[in-house]
Amino acid sequence: DRTELQRAMTRHASVMRDGAGLTELDALLATARPRPARRRADIEDIALTLTARAVAVAARERTETRGCHHRADHPDTDHAQAVSSVVRLDHGRLITDAPVGAA
């Protein structure tokens, strides 16, 4: 349900987050099941869920606080992580690629 997804993203993947919340978010997102895209709302829900998964993967991989994005379990900035990373879909799985350069 879209409202549940919005609440979970706000609670666990906003600018204040931690590993435990991101793990909880991953578990919730894993319960999303494929469904036919018959209406525009179905397509939007599929896109929102996929985007939420990508954000959660990227947030989980960045184990530092950067700018206004605060990780309670990693409160310091790690200058080695000052790079952009790519999250991509590979046969239904989200993969985080190696850093791709300076942020």
C-alpha atoms as a PDB file:
ATOM      1  CA  ASP A   1       0.000   0.000   0.000  1.00  0.00           C
ATOM      2  CA  ARG A   2       1.341   3.392  -0.995  1.00  0.00           C
ATOM      3  CA  THR A   3       0.658   5.038   2.372  1.00  0.00           C
ATOM      4  CA  GLU A   4       2.526   2.275   4.215  1.00  0.00           C
ATOM      5  CA  LEU A   5       5.470   2.669   1.824  1.00  0.00           C
ATOM      6  CA  GLN A   6       5.557   6.441   2.366  1.00  0.00           C
ATOM      7  CA  ARG A   7       5.485   6.005   6.141  1.00  0.00           C
ATOM      8  CA  ALA A   8       8.221   3.360   6.078  1.00  0.00           C
ATOM      9  CA  MET A   9      10.461   5.513   3.877  1.00  0.00           C
ATOM     10  CA  THR A  10       9.934   8.532   6.133  1.00  0.00           C
ATOM     11  CA  ARG A  11      10.615   6.481   9.258  1.00  0.00           C
ATOM     12  CA  HIS A  12      13.649   4.523   8.031  1.00  0.00           C
ATOM     13  CA  ALA A  13      15.225   6.223   4.986  1.00  0.00           C
ATOM     14  CA  SER A  14      14.902   9.937   5.591  1.00  0.00           C
ATOM     15  CA  VAL A  15      17.856  12.152   6.444  1.00  0.00           C
ATOM     16  CA  MET A  16      18.004  10.614   9.959  1.00  0.00           C
ATOM     17  CA  ARG A  17      18.508   6.853   9.713  1.00  0.00           C
ATOM     18  CA  ASP A  18      20.377   3.848  11.054  1.00  0.00           C
ATOM     19  CA  GLY A  19      21.268   0.342   9.984  1.00  0.00           C
ATOM     20  CA  ALA A  20      18.536  -1.309  12.053  1.00  0.00           C
ATOM     21  CA  GLY A  21      15.843   0.852  10.463  1.00  0.00           C
ATOM     22  CA  LEU A  22      17.226   0.218   6.986  1.00  0.00           C
ATOM     23  CA  THR A  23      17.185  -3.530   7.689  1.00  0.00           C
ATOM     24  CA  GLU A  24      13.556  -3.241   8.808  1.00  0.00           C
ATOM     25  CA  LEU A  25      12.779  -1.285   5.643  1.00  0.00           C
ATOM     26  CA  ASP A  26      14.472  -3.969   3.513  1.00  0.00           C
ATOM     27  CA  ALA A  27      12.299  -6.624   5.164  1.00  0.00           C
ATOM     28  CA  LEU A  28       9.144  -4.629   4.449  1.00  0.00           C
ATOM     29  CA  LEU A  29      10.142  -3.993   0.834  1.00  0.00           C
ATOM     30  CA  ALA A  30      10.907  -7.696   0.376  1.00  0.00           C
ATOM     31  CA  THR A  31       7.221  -8.448   1.011  1.00  0.00           C
ATOM     32  CA  ALA A  32       6.203  -6.506  -2.113  1.00  0.00           C
ATOM     33  CA  ARG A  33       4.991  -9.023  -4.661  1.00  0.00           C
ATOM     34  CA  PRO A  34       4.832  -8.609  -8.431  1.00  0.00           C
ATOM     35  CA  ARG A  35       1.412  -7.775  -9.760  1.00  0.00           C
ATOM     36  CA  PRO A  36      -0.059  -6.948 -13.135  1.00  0.00           C
ATOM     37  CA  ALA A  37       0.225  -3.325 -14.211  1.00  0.00           C
ATOM     38  CA  ARG A  38      -3.326  -2.790 -15.387  1.00  0.00           C
ATOM     39  CA  ARG A  39      -3.794   0.818 -14.376  1.00  0.00           C
ATOM     40  CA  ARG A  40      -1.639   3.890 -14.119  1.00  0.00           C
ATOM     41  CA  ALA A  41      -1.717   3.620 -10.317  1.00  0.00           C
ATOM     42  CA  ASP A  42      -0.269   0.082 -10.575  1.00  0.00           C
ATOM     43  CA  ILE A  43       2.640   1.353 -12.680  1.00  0.00           C
ATOM     44  CA  GLU A  44       3.230   4.213 -10.240  1.00  0.00           C
ATOM     45  CA  ASP A  45       3.205   1.816  -7.266  1.00  0.00           C
ATOM     46  CA  ILE A  46       5.702  -0.478  -8.999  1.00  0.00           C
ATOM     47  CA  ALA A  47       7.986   2.493  -9.749  1.00  0.00           C
ATOM     48  CA  LEU A  48       7.688   3.836  -6.193  1.00  0.00           C
ATOM     49  CA  THR A  49       8.550   0.443  -4.714  1.00  0.00           C
ATOM     50  CA  LEU A  50      11.542  -0.031  -7.007  1.00  0.00           C
ATOM     51  CA  THR A  51      12.781   3.480  -6.221  1.00  0.00           C
ATOM     52  CA  ALA A  52      12.326   2.846  -2.496  1.00  0.00           C
ATOM     53  CA  ARG A  53      14.390  -0.333  -2.805  1.00  0.00           C
ATOM     54  CA  ALA A  54      17.165   1.555  -4.624  1.00  0.00           C
ATOM     55  CA  VAL A  55      17.223   4.311  -1.995  1.00  0.00           C
ATOM     56  CA  ALA A  56      17.315   1.735   0.810  1.00  0.00           C
ATOM     57  CA  VAL A  57      20.188  -0.186  -0.809  1.00  0.00           C
ATOM     58  CA  ALA A  58      22.211   2.993  -1.360  1.00  0.00           C
ATOM     59  CA  ALA A  59      21.537   4.249   2.172  1.00  0.00           C
ATOM     60  CA  ARG A  60      22.525   0.918   3.697  1.00  0.00           C
ATOM     61  CA  GLU A  61      25.788   0.828   1.732  1.00  0.00           C
ATOM     62  CA  ARG A  62      26.862   4.324   2.820  1.00  0.00           C
ATOM     63  CA  THR A  63      28.055   3.732   6.373  1.00  0.00           C
ATOM     64  CA  GLU A  64      28.781   7.330   7.303  1.00  0.00           C
ATOM     65  CA  THR A  65      27.129  10.667   7.924  1.00  0.00           C
ATOM     66  CA  ARG A  66      27.393  12.969   4.901  1.00  0.00           C
ATOM     67  CA  GLY A  67      25.950  16.463   4.735  1.00  0.00           C
ATOM     68  CA  CYS A  68      22.446  16.476   6.158  1.00  0.00           C
ATOM     69  CA  HIS A  69      22.124  12.670   5.817  1.00  0.00           C
ATOM     70  CA  HIS A  70      22.837  11.428   9.340  1.00  0.00           C
ATOM     71  CA  ARG A  71      23.491   7.780  10.164  1.00  0.00           C
ATOM     72  CA  ALA A  72      22.955   7.389  13.911  1.00  0.00           C
ATOM     73  CA  ASP A  73      25.075   4.220  13.887  1.00  0.00           C
ATOM     74  CA  HIS A  74      27.842   5.919  11.858  1.00  0.00           C
ATOM     75  CA  PRO A  75      27.897   9.557  13.050  1.00  0.00           C
ATOM     76  CA  ASP A  76      31.233  10.519  11.485  1.00  0.00           C
ATOM     77  CA  THR A  77      32.025  11.513   7.916  1.00  0.00           C
ATOM     78  CA  ASP A  78      34.325   9.092   6.111  1.00  0.00           C
ATOM     79  CA  HIS A  79      36.214  10.987   3.417  1.00  0.00           C
ATOM     80  CA  ALA A  80      36.945   7.711   1.608  1.00  0.00           C
ATOM     81  CA  GLN A  81      33.198   7.487   0.908  1.00  0.00           C
ATOM     82  CA  ALA A  82      33.085  10.899  -0.803  1.00  0.00           C
ATOM     83  CA  VAL A  83      32.199   9.222  -4.097  1.00  0.00           C
ATOM     84  CA  SER A  84      29.079   8.574  -6.113  1.00  0.00           C
ATOM     85  CA  SER A  85      27.812   5.019  -6.374  1.00  0.00           C
ATOM     86  CA  VAL A  86      25.393   3.392  -8.771  1.00  0.00           C
ATOM     87  CA  VAL A  87      22.468   1.176  -7.825  1.00  0.00           C
ATOM     88  CA  ARG A  88      21.169  -0.878 -10.732  1.00  0.00           C
ATOM     89  CA  LEU A  89      18.615  -3.578 -11.347  1.00  0.00           C
ATOM     90  CA  ASP A  90      20.091  -6.904 -12.464  1.00  0.00           C
ATOM     91  CA  HIS A  91      17.588  -9.690 -13.166  1.00  0.00           C
ATOM     92  CA  GLY A  92      15.273  -8.463 -10.421  1.00  0.00           C
ATOM     93  CA  ARG A  93      18.034  -7.811  -7.885  1.00  0.00           C
ATOM     94  CA  LEU A  94      19.397  -4.417  -6.942  1.00  0.00           C
ATOM     95  CA  ILE A  95      23.183  -4.295  -7.167  1.00  0.00           C
ATOM     96  CA  THR A  96      25.394  -1.526  -5.764  1.00  0.00           C
ATOM     97  CA  ASP A  97      28.314  -0.983  -8.110  1.00  0.00           C
ATOM     98  CA  ALA A  98      31.718   0.212  -7.014  1.00  0.00           C
ATOM     99  CA  PRO A  99      32.121   3.953  -6.515  1.00  0.00           C
ATOM    100  CA  VAL A 100      32.253   5.819  -9.810  1.00  0.00           C
ATOM    101  CA  GLY A 101      34.210   8.947  -8.964  1.00  0.00           C
ATOM    102  CA  ALA A 102      34.208  12.053  -6.844  1.00  0.00           C
ATOM    103  CA  ALA A 103      30.841  13.211  -5.561  1.00  0.00           C
END
